[in-house]
Each structure stands twice: as C-alpha cells, then as structure tokens.
Amino acid sequence: MTAIEQTEARPRGTRLPRRARRNQLLGAAQEVFVAQGYHAAAMDDIAERAGVSKPVLYQHFPGKLDLYLALLDQHCDNLLQAVRTALASTSDNKQRVAATMDAYFAYVEDEGGAFRLVFESDLTNEPAVRERVDRVSLACAEAISEVIAEDTGLAKEEAMLLAVGLGGVSQVVARYWLSSGSTVPRGTAVQLLTSLAWRGIAGFPKNEH
C-alpha cells in the first residue's frame, strides 16, 4: 500500500507507529504540494488531508519547508534508484539506453505526480531545494557516465557531458510527452527517443577491455 493509499484508508484518530504515521503524512503532503504548489499549500490543508491534528503534524515535521524537503529527498532517491536499476538491467547497450529513458518516462507518469516536486517546483529559489534537485540530476548523470566511460574509453569529463545530455533530454521529453497529452504510447515514445539517442551514442567506438 502506498503512502497516499494509507492516507485514504486511515480514519482520523487512528494511532499508528511513528514510521507509518510519517509515511502517511508524506503521502498527504505530496497530494497537497502537487495540487497547490509549495507557496499556496498550508500545513492546515496537509493535516486535514492526513486526518490528523496540526500538533501531530508538527511532531514529525517542524515546519512546511522541513516537510517539503523530506518529500523531495524521498522522490529524488526514487529517481536515482530507478536510473541505476535501468542501467544494471542489461549488458546490451541499446537496451540499456531504452531502459534508462523508460525510467524517466515511468517516473513522470506515476499517478502521484511526484516528478513535479523535483522538476517543476515553485521553490527552486530556495537553496536547499535547488541543491537537492541539482544533486539528483548530477547523480543520475554520473551513473550514466560511468557506463559510457567504461564502454567507450572516453575521458571522465567527456563521458559526463554525454551523460548530462542523455539524462536531460530524457526528462524534458518525458515531461513534454505527459503535459501535452500526447496520444503516442509510452513504449513508442521511448522507442523514438532511444533511436534518436542511439544513433549518436553508437558512433563512439566500444572500448576493448
């Protein structure tokens, strides 16, 4: 059961273990932040959505920014793990590119809309938020660059440039695909983007170990 499902399933006043309560509050906060944005969201709204009193909410999160950052940490970690899992899913490089791009599409397609907190936050002028968003983008690129460097023999900085390009185009196109209401199926969209990227990356000779 997801945190959001837990939020919907628990009536007000139900006592939960601390970890379960925290997950419930994060699920409620995600719904409110995604729907309203950081600035318009209020702790009252989040407490009401979670079915708890404000004091209970403040026991877990001292303020709205603390709650937002905890949620952001969670979903940045989820994205990085998805990219790493995709990279490790196959040793075939074309399939690896497709799996990695599909990880971004799956991330933005998630019904909870968590990607909006990472890629479309209305709080990017807050240093703590900007640092987390930059950090996950960099970490994803570093994971991709390690594979590129190993397979091509390119210098680390050169591989990193290619990795930033691949990660960037993946998330930008995936977000456009979702926001435009495209009728192109996800699998077809990933195939098209993979073909575009593969024509470029395949031009680098494979490193002979």
N, C-alpha and C. Protein backbone atom coordinates (compact mmCIF):
# COMPACT_ATOMS: atom_id res chain seq x y z
N MET A 1 0.85 -1.20 0.00
CA MET A 1 0.00 0.00 0.00
C MET A 1 0.88 1.24 0.00
N THR A 2 0.60 2.17 -0.88
CA THR A 2 1.40 3.38 -0.96
C THR A 2 1.04 4.33 0.17
N ALA A 3 1.90 5.37 0.34
CA ALA A 3 1.63 6.36 1.38
C ALA A 3 0.30 7.06 1.13
N ILE A 4 0.01 7.34 -0.14
CA ILE A 4 -1.25 8.02 -0.47
C ILE A 4 -2.44 7.12 -0.16
N GLU A 5 -2.31 5.82 -0.47
CA GLU A 5 -3.39 4.88 -0.17
C GLU A 5 -3.59 4.76 1.34
N GLN A 6 -2.47 4.79 2.09
CA GLN A 6 -2.58 4.76 3.54
C GLN A 6 -3.33 5.98 4.05
N THR A 7 -3.06 7.13 3.43
CA THR A 7 -3.73 8.36 3.82
C THR A 7 -5.24 8.22 3.65
N GLU A 8 -5.65 7.62 2.55
CA GLU A 8 -7.08 7.49 2.28
C GLU A 8 -7.73 6.43 3.16
N ALA A 9 -6.93 5.41 3.58
CA ALA A 9 -7.50 4.28 4.29
C ALA A 9 -7.64 4.52 5.79
N ARG A 10 -6.86 5.45 6.35
CA ARG A 10 -6.84 5.64 7.79
C ARG A 10 -7.81 6.73 8.24
N PRO A 11 -8.75 6.41 9.11
CA PRO A 11 -9.64 7.45 9.63
C PRO A 11 -8.93 8.32 10.65
N ARG A 12 -9.44 9.51 10.87
CA ARG A 12 -8.86 10.43 11.85
C ARG A 12 -8.83 9.76 13.23
N GLY A 13 -7.72 9.97 13.93
CA GLY A 13 -7.61 9.48 15.28
C GLY A 13 -6.98 8.10 15.40
N THR A 14 -6.77 7.39 14.31
CA THR A 14 -6.15 6.08 14.38
C THR A 14 -4.69 6.23 14.79
N ARG A 15 -4.28 5.46 15.80
CA ARG A 15 -2.89 5.53 16.25
C ARG A 15 -2.03 4.65 15.36
N LEU A 16 -0.91 5.19 14.91
CA LEU A 16 -0.02 4.46 14.02
C LEU A 16 1.39 4.46 14.59
N PRO A 17 2.19 3.44 14.27
CA PRO A 17 3.62 3.51 14.60
C PRO A 17 4.24 4.74 13.95
N ARG A 18 5.31 5.25 14.53
CA ARG A 18 5.88 6.52 14.07
C ARG A 18 6.24 6.49 12.59
N ARG A 19 6.86 5.41 12.13
CA ARG A 19 7.25 5.34 10.72
C ARG A 19 6.02 5.35 9.80
N ALA A 20 5.00 4.60 10.20
CA ALA A 20 3.78 4.56 9.39
C ALA A 20 3.10 5.92 9.37
N ARG A 21 3.09 6.60 10.52
CA ARG A 21 2.49 7.94 10.56
C ARG A 21 3.26 8.90 9.67
N ARG A 22 4.60 8.82 9.72
CA ARG A 22 5.41 9.70 8.88
C ARG A 22 5.10 9.47 7.40
N ASN A 23 5.00 8.20 7.00
CA ASN A 23 4.69 7.89 5.60
C ASN A 23 3.31 8.41 5.22
N GLN A 24 2.36 8.32 6.15
CA GLN A 24 1.01 8.83 5.90
C GLN A 24 1.04 10.34 5.69
N LEU A 25 1.80 11.03 6.53
CA LEU A 25 1.90 12.49 6.41
C LEU A 25 2.58 12.89 5.11
N LEU A 26 3.60 12.14 4.72
CA LEU A 26 4.28 12.43 3.46
C LEU A 26 3.33 12.22 2.27
N GLY A 27 2.51 11.18 2.35
CA GLY A 27 1.55 10.94 1.28
C GLY A 27 0.55 12.07 1.15
N ALA A 28 0.06 12.55 2.30
CA ALA A 28 -0.88 13.67 2.28
C ALA A 28 -0.21 14.94 1.77
N ALA A 29 1.03 15.17 2.22
CA ALA A 29 1.76 16.36 1.78
C ALA A 29 2.01 16.33 0.29
N GLN A 30 2.33 15.16 -0.25
CA GLN A 30 2.56 15.05 -1.69
C GLN A 30 1.32 15.47 -2.46
N GLU A 31 0.17 15.00 -2.05
CA GLU A 31 -1.07 15.37 -2.74
C GLU A 31 -1.29 16.88 -2.72
N VAL A 32 -1.07 17.48 -1.56
CA VAL A 32 -1.33 18.91 -1.42
C VAL A 32 -0.30 19.74 -2.19
N PHE A 33 0.97 19.39 -2.07
CA PHE A 33 2.01 20.15 -2.76
C PHE A 33 1.89 20.03 -4.27
N VAL A 34 1.59 18.84 -4.76
CA VAL A 34 1.45 18.64 -6.21
C VAL A 34 0.26 19.43 -6.73
N ALA A 35 -0.84 19.42 -5.98
CA ALA A 35 -2.06 20.10 -6.43
C ALA A 35 -1.96 21.61 -6.31
N GLN A 36 -1.32 22.11 -5.25
CA GLN A 36 -1.36 23.54 -4.96
C GLN A 36 -0.03 24.26 -5.14
N GLY A 37 1.09 23.50 -5.18
CA GLY A 37 2.39 24.15 -5.16
C GLY A 37 2.78 24.45 -3.72
N TYR A 38 4.05 24.74 -3.53
CA TYR A 38 4.54 24.96 -2.16
C TYR A 38 3.91 26.19 -1.53
N HIS A 39 3.92 27.30 -2.25
CA HIS A 39 3.53 28.57 -1.65
C HIS A 39 2.05 28.60 -1.27
N ALA A 40 1.20 27.98 -2.06
CA ALA A 40 -0.23 28.01 -1.78
C ALA A 40 -0.65 26.96 -0.74
N ALA A 41 0.18 25.94 -0.56
CA ALA A 41 -0.16 24.87 0.38
C ALA A 41 -0.02 25.37 1.81
N ALA A 42 -0.88 24.87 2.67
CA ALA A 42 -0.83 25.23 4.09
C ALA A 42 -0.74 23.96 4.93
N MET A 43 -0.09 24.07 6.08
CA MET A 43 0.03 22.92 6.97
C MET A 43 -1.36 22.46 7.42
N ASP A 44 -2.31 23.40 7.54
CA ASP A 44 -3.69 23.03 7.87
C ASP A 44 -4.27 22.07 6.83
N ASP A 45 -4.00 22.38 5.55
CA ASP A 45 -4.51 21.53 4.46
C ASP A 45 -3.92 20.13 4.55
N ILE A 46 -2.63 20.06 4.85
CA ILE A 46 -1.94 18.77 4.89
C ILE A 46 -2.43 17.95 6.08
N ALA A 47 -2.59 18.60 7.24
CA ALA A 47 -3.09 17.90 8.41
C ALA A 47 -4.50 17.37 8.16
N GLU A 48 -5.34 18.20 7.55
CA GLU A 48 -6.71 17.78 7.25
C GLU A 48 -6.72 16.61 6.28
N ARG A 49 -5.86 16.68 5.24
CA ARG A 49 -5.80 15.59 4.25
C ARG A 49 -5.34 14.29 4.90
N ALA A 50 -4.43 14.40 5.87
CA ALA A 50 -3.91 13.22 6.55
C ALA A 50 -4.86 12.71 7.64
N GLY A 51 -5.83 13.55 8.02
CA GLY A 51 -6.75 13.15 9.08
C GLY A 51 -6.14 13.24 10.46
N VAL A 52 -5.22 14.20 10.66
CA VAL A 52 -4.56 14.37 11.96
C VAL A 52 -4.69 15.83 12.39
N SER A 53 -4.36 16.09 13.64
CA SER A 53 -4.33 17.46 14.13
C SER A 53 -3.00 18.11 13.74
N LYS A 54 -2.97 19.43 13.71
CA LYS A 54 -1.72 20.13 13.40
C LYS A 54 -0.61 19.78 14.39
N PRO A 55 -0.89 19.67 15.69
CA PRO A 55 0.19 19.27 16.60
C PRO A 55 0.84 17.94 16.24
N VAL A 56 0.04 16.99 15.79
CA VAL A 56 0.61 15.70 15.36
C VAL A 56 1.52 15.91 14.16
N LEU A 57 1.09 16.72 13.22
CA LEU A 57 1.91 17.00 12.04
C LEU A 57 3.23 17.66 12.46
N TYR A 58 3.16 18.61 13.38
CA TYR A 58 4.37 19.31 13.81
C TYR A 58 5.28 18.44 14.66
N GLN A 59 4.76 17.38 15.24
CA GLN A 59 5.61 16.44 15.97
C GLN A 59 6.60 15.76 15.03
N HIS A 60 6.18 15.58 13.80
CA HIS A 60 7.02 14.88 12.81
C HIS A 60 7.83 15.85 11.95
N PHE A 61 7.23 17.00 11.65
CA PHE A 61 7.88 17.98 10.77
C PHE A 61 7.72 19.37 11.38
N PRO A 62 8.82 20.00 11.81
CA PRO A 62 8.74 21.30 12.50
C PRO A 62 8.12 22.42 11.66
N GLY A 63 8.21 22.32 10.35
CA GLY A 63 7.66 23.37 9.50
C GLY A 63 7.37 22.87 8.11
N LYS A 64 6.76 23.71 7.30
CA LYS A 64 6.37 23.32 5.94
C LYS A 64 7.59 22.99 5.08
N LEU A 65 8.65 23.77 5.22
CA LEU A 65 9.85 23.51 4.42
C LEU A 65 10.48 22.17 4.79
N ASP A 66 10.51 21.83 6.07
CA ASP A 66 11.04 20.54 6.51
C ASP A 66 10.26 19.39 5.86
N LEU A 67 8.96 19.55 5.82
CA LEU A 67 8.11 18.53 5.21
C LEU A 67 8.36 18.42 3.71
N TYR A 68 8.48 19.57 3.07
CA TYR A 68 8.73 19.58 1.63
C TYR A 68 10.08 18.94 1.30
N LEU A 69 11.10 19.26 2.09
CA LEU A 69 12.43 18.71 1.83
C LEU A 69 12.47 17.21 2.06
N ALA A 70 11.75 16.73 3.07
CA ALA A 70 11.70 15.29 3.32
C ALA A 70 11.06 14.57 2.14
N LEU A 71 10.01 15.17 1.61
CA LEU A 71 9.33 14.60 0.45
C LEU A 71 10.24 14.65 -0.78
N LEU A 72 10.93 15.75 -0.94
CA LEU A 72 11.84 15.89 -2.07
C LEU A 72 12.97 14.88 -2.00
N ASP A 73 13.53 14.68 -0.81
CA ASP A 73 14.59 13.67 -0.63
C ASP A 73 14.10 12.29 -1.05
N GLN A 74 12.89 11.96 -0.64
CA GLN A 74 12.33 10.65 -0.95
C GLN A 74 12.22 10.44 -2.46
N HIS A 75 11.72 11.44 -3.15
CA HIS A 75 11.46 11.25 -4.58
C HIS A 75 12.72 11.44 -5.43
N CYS A 76 13.68 12.20 -4.95
CA CYS A 76 14.99 12.24 -5.62
C CYS A 76 15.67 10.88 -5.53
N ASP A 77 15.59 10.27 -4.35
CA ASP A 77 16.15 8.93 -4.17
C ASP A 77 15.48 7.92 -5.08
N ASN A 78 14.16 8.04 -5.23
CA ASN A 78 13.42 7.11 -6.09
C ASN A 78 13.88 7.22 -7.55
N LEU A 79 14.09 8.44 -8.01
CA LEU A 79 14.54 8.64 -9.39
C LEU A 79 15.93 8.05 -9.59
N LEU A 80 16.83 8.34 -8.68
CA LEU A 80 18.20 7.83 -8.81
C LEU A 80 18.21 6.31 -8.81
N GLN A 81 17.42 5.72 -7.92
CA GLN A 81 17.37 4.26 -7.86
C GLN A 81 16.80 3.68 -9.16
N ALA A 82 15.80 4.35 -9.73
CA ALA A 82 15.21 3.87 -10.99
C ALA A 82 16.22 3.90 -12.13
N VAL A 83 17.03 4.96 -12.18
CA VAL A 83 18.05 5.07 -13.22
C VAL A 83 19.13 4.00 -13.03
N ARG A 84 19.57 3.81 -11.81
CA ARG A 84 20.59 2.80 -11.54
C ARG A 84 20.09 1.40 -11.86
N THR A 85 18.84 1.14 -11.53
CA THR A 85 18.25 -0.17 -11.83
C THR A 85 18.18 -0.40 -13.34
N ALA A 86 17.80 0.64 -14.07
CA ALA A 86 17.72 0.53 -15.53
C ALA A 86 19.10 0.26 -16.14
N LEU A 87 20.11 0.96 -15.66
CA LEU A 87 21.47 0.77 -16.19
C LEU A 87 21.98 -0.63 -15.92
N ALA A 88 21.57 -1.21 -14.80
CA ALA A 88 22.06 -2.54 -14.42
C ALA A 88 21.20 -3.67 -14.98
N SER A 89 20.12 -3.31 -15.67
CA SER A 89 19.15 -4.32 -16.09
C SER A 89 19.59 -5.17 -17.28
N THR A 90 20.59 -4.71 -18.01
CA THR A 90 21.06 -5.43 -19.21
C THR A 90 22.48 -5.01 -19.54
N SER A 91 23.17 -5.87 -20.27
CA SER A 91 24.52 -5.53 -20.74
C SER A 91 24.50 -5.10 -22.20
N ASP A 92 23.31 -5.17 -22.82
CA ASP A 92 23.15 -4.69 -24.20
C ASP A 92 22.97 -3.18 -24.16
N ASN A 93 23.89 -2.45 -24.80
CA ASN A 93 23.90 -1.00 -24.63
C ASN A 93 22.67 -0.30 -25.22
N LYS A 94 22.15 -0.78 -26.34
CA LYS A 94 20.96 -0.15 -26.89
C LYS A 94 19.77 -0.36 -25.97
N GLN A 95 19.64 -1.58 -25.44
CA GLN A 95 18.56 -1.86 -24.50
C GLN A 95 18.76 -1.06 -23.21
N ARG A 96 20.01 -0.84 -22.85
CA ARG A 96 20.32 -0.06 -21.65
C ARG A 96 19.86 1.39 -21.82
N VAL A 97 20.09 1.95 -23.00
CA VAL A 97 19.63 3.31 -23.28
C VAL A 97 18.11 3.36 -23.18
N ALA A 98 17.44 2.36 -23.78
CA ALA A 98 15.98 2.33 -23.76
C ALA A 98 15.46 2.19 -22.33
N ALA A 99 16.08 1.32 -21.55
CA ALA A 99 15.63 1.11 -20.17
C ALA A 99 15.79 2.37 -19.33
N THR A 100 16.90 3.08 -19.57
CA THR A 100 17.15 4.31 -18.81
C THR A 100 16.14 5.39 -19.18
N MET A 101 15.88 5.53 -20.46
CA MET A 101 14.89 6.52 -20.88
C MET A 101 13.50 6.16 -20.39
N ASP A 102 13.19 4.88 -20.40
CA ASP A 102 11.88 4.45 -19.90
C ASP A 102 11.75 4.73 -18.41
N ALA A 103 12.86 4.70 -17.69
CA ALA A 103 12.83 5.00 -16.25
C ALA A 103 12.34 6.43 -16.03
N TYR A 104 12.78 7.36 -16.87
CA TYR A 104 12.32 8.74 -16.76
C TYR A 104 10.83 8.86 -17.12
N PHE A 105 10.42 8.14 -18.16
CA PHE A 105 9.01 8.19 -18.56
C PHE A 105 8.12 7.60 -17.45
N ALA A 106 8.56 6.50 -16.87
CA ALA A 106 7.79 5.88 -15.79
C ALA A 106 7.71 6.81 -14.59
N TYR A 107 8.79 7.52 -14.35
CA TYR A 107 8.84 8.44 -13.21
C TYR A 107 7.84 9.58 -13.37
N VAL A 108 7.78 10.17 -14.54
CA VAL A 108 6.83 11.28 -14.73
C VAL A 108 5.40 10.78 -14.87
N GLU A 109 5.22 9.52 -15.27
CA GLU A 109 3.87 9.00 -15.47
C GLU A 109 3.23 8.55 -14.16
N ASP A 110 4.03 8.41 -13.11
CA ASP A 110 3.49 7.96 -11.83
C ASP A 110 2.32 8.84 -11.42
N GLU A 111 1.22 8.21 -11.03
CA GLU A 111 -0.02 8.95 -10.81
C GLU A 111 0.06 9.94 -9.65
N GLY A 112 1.03 9.78 -8.77
CA GLY A 112 1.16 10.71 -7.66
C GLY A 112 1.72 12.06 -8.05
N GLY A 113 2.30 12.16 -9.26
CA GLY A 113 2.82 13.44 -9.74
C GLY A 113 4.05 13.94 -9.00
N ALA A 114 4.79 13.03 -8.36
CA ALA A 114 5.95 13.45 -7.56
C ALA A 114 7.02 14.14 -8.39
N PHE A 115 7.09 13.83 -9.68
CA PHE A 115 8.12 14.45 -10.51
C PHE A 115 8.01 15.96 -10.53
N ARG A 116 6.80 16.46 -10.30
CA ARG A 116 6.60 17.92 -10.31
C ARG A 116 7.37 18.58 -9.17
N LEU A 117 7.52 17.88 -8.07
CA LEU A 117 8.28 18.42 -6.94
C LEU A 117 9.76 18.51 -7.29
N VAL A 118 10.23 17.60 -8.12
CA VAL A 118 11.65 17.55 -8.48
C VAL A 118 11.95 18.46 -9.66
N PHE A 119 11.16 18.37 -10.72
CA PHE A 119 11.47 19.07 -11.96
C PHE A 119 10.67 20.36 -12.19
N GLU A 120 9.59 20.55 -11.45
CA GLU A 120 8.74 21.71 -11.70
C GLU A 120 8.37 22.43 -10.41
N SER A 121 9.25 22.40 -9.45
CA SER A 121 8.98 23.01 -8.15
C SER A 121 8.86 24.53 -8.28
N ASP A 122 7.96 25.11 -7.50
CA ASP A 122 7.84 26.57 -7.45
C ASP A 122 8.70 27.14 -6.33
N LEU A 123 9.65 26.31 -5.84
CA LEU A 123 10.50 26.73 -4.73
C LEU A 123 11.99 26.60 -5.09
N THR A 124 12.31 26.67 -6.36
CA THR A 124 13.70 26.48 -6.77
C THR A 124 14.61 27.63 -6.36
N ASN A 125 14.02 28.74 -5.90
CA ASN A 125 14.85 29.83 -5.40
C ASN A 125 15.32 29.56 -3.96
N GLU A 126 14.77 28.52 -3.34
CA GLU A 126 15.21 28.11 -2.01
C GLU A 126 16.48 27.26 -2.16
N PRO A 127 17.61 27.67 -1.58
CA PRO A 127 18.89 26.97 -1.77
C PRO A 127 18.82 25.47 -1.46
N ALA A 128 18.11 25.09 -0.41
CA ALA A 128 18.04 23.68 -0.02
C ALA A 128 17.32 22.85 -1.08
N VAL A 129 16.31 23.45 -1.73
CA VAL A 129 15.59 22.76 -2.79
C VAL A 129 16.45 22.67 -4.04
N ARG A 130 17.05 23.79 -4.42
CA ARG A 130 17.90 23.82 -5.61
C ARG A 130 19.05 22.83 -5.49
N GLU A 131 19.62 22.74 -4.28
CA GLU A 131 20.74 21.83 -4.06
C GLU A 131 20.32 20.38 -4.27
N ARG A 132 19.15 20.03 -3.80
CA ARG A 132 18.68 18.65 -3.94
C ARG A 132 18.36 18.31 -5.39
N VAL A 133 17.72 19.23 -6.09
CA VAL A 133 17.38 19.00 -7.50
C VAL A 133 18.65 18.87 -8.33
N ASP A 134 19.60 19.77 -8.10
CA ASP A 134 20.87 19.70 -8.83
C ASP A 134 21.62 18.42 -8.51
N ARG A 135 21.56 18.03 -7.23
CA ARG A 135 22.30 16.84 -6.79
C ARG A 135 21.78 15.57 -7.45
N VAL A 136 20.44 15.42 -7.54
CA VAL A 136 19.91 14.20 -8.14
C VAL A 136 20.17 14.18 -9.64
N SER A 137 20.09 15.35 -10.29
CA SER A 137 20.40 15.40 -11.73
C SER A 137 21.85 15.01 -11.98
N LEU A 138 22.72 15.51 -11.11
CA LEU A 138 24.15 15.18 -11.24
C LEU A 138 24.40 13.71 -10.94
N ALA A 139 23.75 13.18 -9.92
CA ALA A 139 23.96 11.78 -9.55
C ALA A 139 23.48 10.84 -10.66
N CYS A 140 22.35 11.16 -11.28
CA CYS A 140 21.86 10.35 -12.40
C CYS A 140 22.84 10.41 -13.57
N ALA A 141 23.33 11.61 -13.86
CA ALA A 141 24.31 11.76 -14.95
C ALA A 141 25.59 11.00 -14.64
N GLU A 142 26.03 11.03 -13.40
CA GLU A 142 27.25 10.31 -13.03
C GLU A 142 27.08 8.81 -13.21
N ALA A 143 25.91 8.30 -12.85
CA ALA A 143 25.65 6.87 -13.03
C ALA A 143 25.69 6.50 -14.51
N ILE A 144 25.10 7.34 -15.35
CA ILE A 144 25.12 7.09 -16.80
C ILE A 144 26.52 7.23 -17.35
N SER A 145 27.26 8.23 -16.88
CA SER A 145 28.60 8.49 -17.41
C SER A 145 29.57 7.36 -17.10
N GLU A 146 29.38 6.70 -15.96
CA GLU A 146 30.26 5.58 -15.62
C GLU A 146 30.15 4.47 -16.65
N VAL A 147 28.94 4.21 -17.10
CA VAL A 147 28.72 3.17 -18.12
C VAL A 147 29.32 3.62 -19.45
N ILE A 148 29.10 4.88 -19.81
CA ILE A 148 29.64 5.39 -21.07
C ILE A 148 31.17 5.33 -21.07
N ALA A 149 31.77 5.78 -19.99
CA ALA A 149 33.24 5.79 -19.91
C ALA A 149 33.80 4.38 -19.99
N GLU A 150 33.15 3.45 -19.30
CA GLU A 150 33.64 2.07 -19.31
C GLU A 150 33.52 1.44 -20.69
N ASP A 151 32.43 1.73 -21.39
CA ASP A 151 32.18 1.08 -22.67
C ASP A 151 32.87 1.76 -23.85
N THR A 152 33.21 3.04 -23.71
CA THR A 152 33.80 3.76 -24.84
C THR A 152 35.27 4.12 -24.63
N GLY A 153 35.70 4.15 -23.38
CA GLY A 153 37.07 4.58 -23.11
C GLY A 153 37.23 6.09 -23.13
N LEU A 154 36.12 6.82 -23.21
CA LEU A 154 36.19 8.28 -23.18
C LEU A 154 36.66 8.76 -21.81
N ALA A 155 37.27 9.92 -21.79
CA ALA A 155 37.67 10.53 -20.53
C ALA A 155 36.43 10.81 -19.69
N LYS A 156 36.64 10.86 -18.37
CA LYS A 156 35.52 11.05 -17.46
C LYS A 156 34.69 12.29 -17.77
N GLU A 157 35.36 13.41 -18.04
CA GLU A 157 34.64 14.65 -18.31
C GLU A 157 33.87 14.58 -19.62
N GLU A 158 34.44 13.89 -20.61
CA GLU A 158 33.75 13.74 -21.90
C GLU A 158 32.51 12.86 -21.74
N ALA A 159 32.67 11.76 -21.00
CA ALA A 159 31.53 10.87 -20.76
C ALA A 159 30.44 11.59 -19.98
N MET A 160 30.84 12.47 -19.06
CA MET A 160 29.87 13.19 -18.26
C MET A 160 29.04 14.14 -19.12
N LEU A 161 29.66 14.79 -20.09
CA LEU A 161 28.91 15.67 -20.98
C LEU A 161 27.83 14.90 -21.74
N LEU A 162 28.20 13.73 -22.24
CA LEU A 162 27.21 12.91 -22.96
C LEU A 162 26.10 12.46 -22.01
N ALA A 163 26.48 12.10 -20.79
CA ALA A 163 25.50 11.61 -19.83
C ALA A 163 24.52 12.70 -19.43
N VAL A 164 25.01 13.92 -19.23
CA VAL A 164 24.12 15.03 -18.91
C VAL A 164 23.13 15.25 -20.06
N GLY A 165 23.61 15.13 -21.29
CA GLY A 165 22.74 15.28 -22.45
C GLY A 165 21.67 14.21 -22.50
N LEU A 166 22.05 12.96 -22.26
CA LEU A 166 21.08 11.86 -22.31
C LEU A 166 20.04 11.98 -21.20
N GLY A 167 20.51 12.28 -19.98
CA GLY A 167 19.57 12.44 -18.87
C GLY A 167 18.65 13.62 -19.07
N GLY A 168 19.22 14.73 -19.54
CA GLY A 168 18.43 15.93 -19.74
C GLY A 168 17.35 15.76 -20.79
N VAL A 169 17.72 15.17 -21.92
CA VAL A 169 16.72 15.01 -22.98
C VAL A 169 15.64 14.03 -22.54
N SER A 170 16.01 13.04 -21.75
CA SER A 170 15.04 12.05 -21.29
C SER A 170 13.96 12.70 -20.43
N GLN A 171 14.39 13.50 -19.44
CA GLN A 171 13.38 14.08 -18.54
C GLN A 171 12.58 15.19 -19.22
N VAL A 172 13.22 15.97 -20.10
CA VAL A 172 12.49 17.04 -20.78
C VAL A 172 11.44 16.46 -21.73
N VAL A 173 11.82 15.46 -22.51
CA VAL A 173 10.88 14.86 -23.45
C VAL A 173 9.77 14.12 -22.70
N ALA A 174 10.13 13.42 -21.64
CA ALA A 174 9.12 12.69 -20.86
C ALA A 174 8.09 13.66 -20.28
N ARG A 175 8.55 14.78 -19.76
CA ARG A 175 7.63 15.78 -19.21
C ARG A 175 6.75 16.38 -20.30
N TYR A 176 7.34 16.65 -21.46
CA TYR A 176 6.54 17.18 -22.58
C TYR A 176 5.49 16.16 -23.00
N TRP A 177 5.91 14.90 -23.11
CA TRP A 177 5.00 13.83 -23.52
C TRP A 177 3.79 13.77 -22.59
N LEU A 178 4.03 13.91 -21.29
CA LEU A 178 2.94 13.84 -20.34
C LEU A 178 2.07 15.11 -20.38
N SER A 179 2.72 16.27 -20.33
CA SER A 179 1.96 17.53 -20.22
C SER A 179 1.18 17.86 -21.48
N SER A 180 1.66 17.38 -22.64
CA SER A 180 0.97 17.69 -23.90
C SER A 180 -0.21 16.77 -24.15
N GLY A 181 -0.36 15.75 -23.31
CA GLY A 181 -1.44 14.80 -23.53
C GLY A 181 -1.24 13.99 -24.79
N SER A 182 0.00 13.73 -25.12
CA SER A 182 0.32 13.02 -26.36
C SER A 182 -0.40 11.68 -26.45
N THR A 183 -0.88 11.37 -27.65
CA THR A 183 -1.53 10.08 -27.88
C THR A 183 -0.52 8.99 -28.24
N VAL A 184 0.76 9.37 -28.33
CA VAL A 184 1.80 8.38 -28.61
C VAL A 184 1.98 7.50 -27.37
N PRO A 185 1.83 6.18 -27.49
CA PRO A 185 2.00 5.31 -26.33
C PRO A 185 3.41 5.46 -25.74
N ARG A 186 3.49 5.23 -24.44
CA ARG A 186 4.79 5.38 -23.77
C ARG A 186 5.88 4.53 -24.43
N GLY A 187 5.56 3.28 -24.74
CA GLY A 187 6.56 2.41 -25.35
C GLY A 187 7.06 2.95 -26.67
N THR A 188 6.15 3.50 -27.47
CA THR A 188 6.54 4.07 -28.76
C THR A 188 7.38 5.33 -28.57
N ALA A 189 6.99 6.15 -27.61
CA ALA A 189 7.75 7.37 -27.32
C ALA A 189 9.17 7.02 -26.89
N VAL A 190 9.31 6.02 -26.05
CA VAL A 190 10.64 5.59 -25.60
C VAL A 190 11.45 5.06 -26.77
N GLN A 191 10.79 4.29 -27.65
CA GLN A 191 11.47 3.76 -28.83
C GLN A 191 12.00 4.87 -29.72
N LEU A 192 11.17 5.88 -29.95
CA LEU A 192 11.58 7.01 -30.80
C LEU A 192 12.78 7.73 -30.20
N LEU A 193 12.71 8.01 -28.93
CA LEU A 193 13.79 8.74 -28.27
C LEU A 193 15.05 7.89 -28.21
N THR A 194 14.89 6.60 -27.99
CA THR A 194 16.04 5.70 -27.97
C THR A 194 16.72 5.67 -29.32
N SER A 195 15.94 5.61 -30.40
CA SER A 195 16.52 5.60 -31.75
C SER A 195 17.33 6.86 -32.01
N LEU A 196 16.78 8.00 -31.56
CA LEU A 196 17.49 9.26 -31.72
C LEU A 196 18.81 9.26 -30.96
N ALA A 197 18.75 8.86 -29.69
CA ALA A 197 19.95 8.87 -28.86
C ALA A 197 20.96 7.83 -29.32
N TRP A 198 20.47 6.66 -29.71
CA TRP A 198 21.37 5.57 -30.09
C TRP A 198 22.17 5.90 -31.35
N ARG A 199 21.54 6.61 -32.28
CA ARG A 199 22.26 7.00 -33.49
C ARG A 199 23.48 7.85 -33.16
N GLY A 200 23.38 8.60 -32.06
CA GLY A 200 24.51 9.42 -31.65
C GLY A 200 25.53 8.66 -30.81
N ILE A 201 25.07 8.01 -29.76
CA ILE A 201 25.99 7.37 -28.82
C ILE A 201 26.67 6.16 -29.44
N ALA A 202 25.99 5.50 -30.39
CA ALA A 202 26.60 4.33 -31.02
C ALA A 202 27.78 4.69 -31.90
N GLY A 203 27.93 5.98 -32.21
CA GLY A 203 29.05 6.42 -33.03
C GLY A 203 30.37 6.39 -32.30
N PHE A 204 30.32 6.24 -30.98
CA PHE A 204 31.57 6.15 -30.22
C PHE A 204 32.00 4.70 -30.15
N PRO A 205 33.22 4.42 -30.57
CA PRO A 205 33.66 3.01 -30.63
C PRO A 205 33.66 2.36 -29.25
N LYS A 206 33.29 1.09 -29.23
CA LYS A 206 33.25 0.34 -27.96
C LYS A 206 34.68 0.08 -27.50
N ASN A 207 34.89 0.31 -26.23
CA ASN A 207 36.21 0.09 -25.64
C ASN A 207 36.49 -1.40 -25.55
N GLU A 208 37.62 -1.83 -26.05
CA GLU A 208 38.01 -3.24 -25.98
C GLU A 208 38.78 -3.47 -24.69
N HIS A 209 38.18 -4.20 -23.79
CA HIS A 209 38.81 -4.42 -22.48
C HIS A 209 39.96 -5.43 -22.62
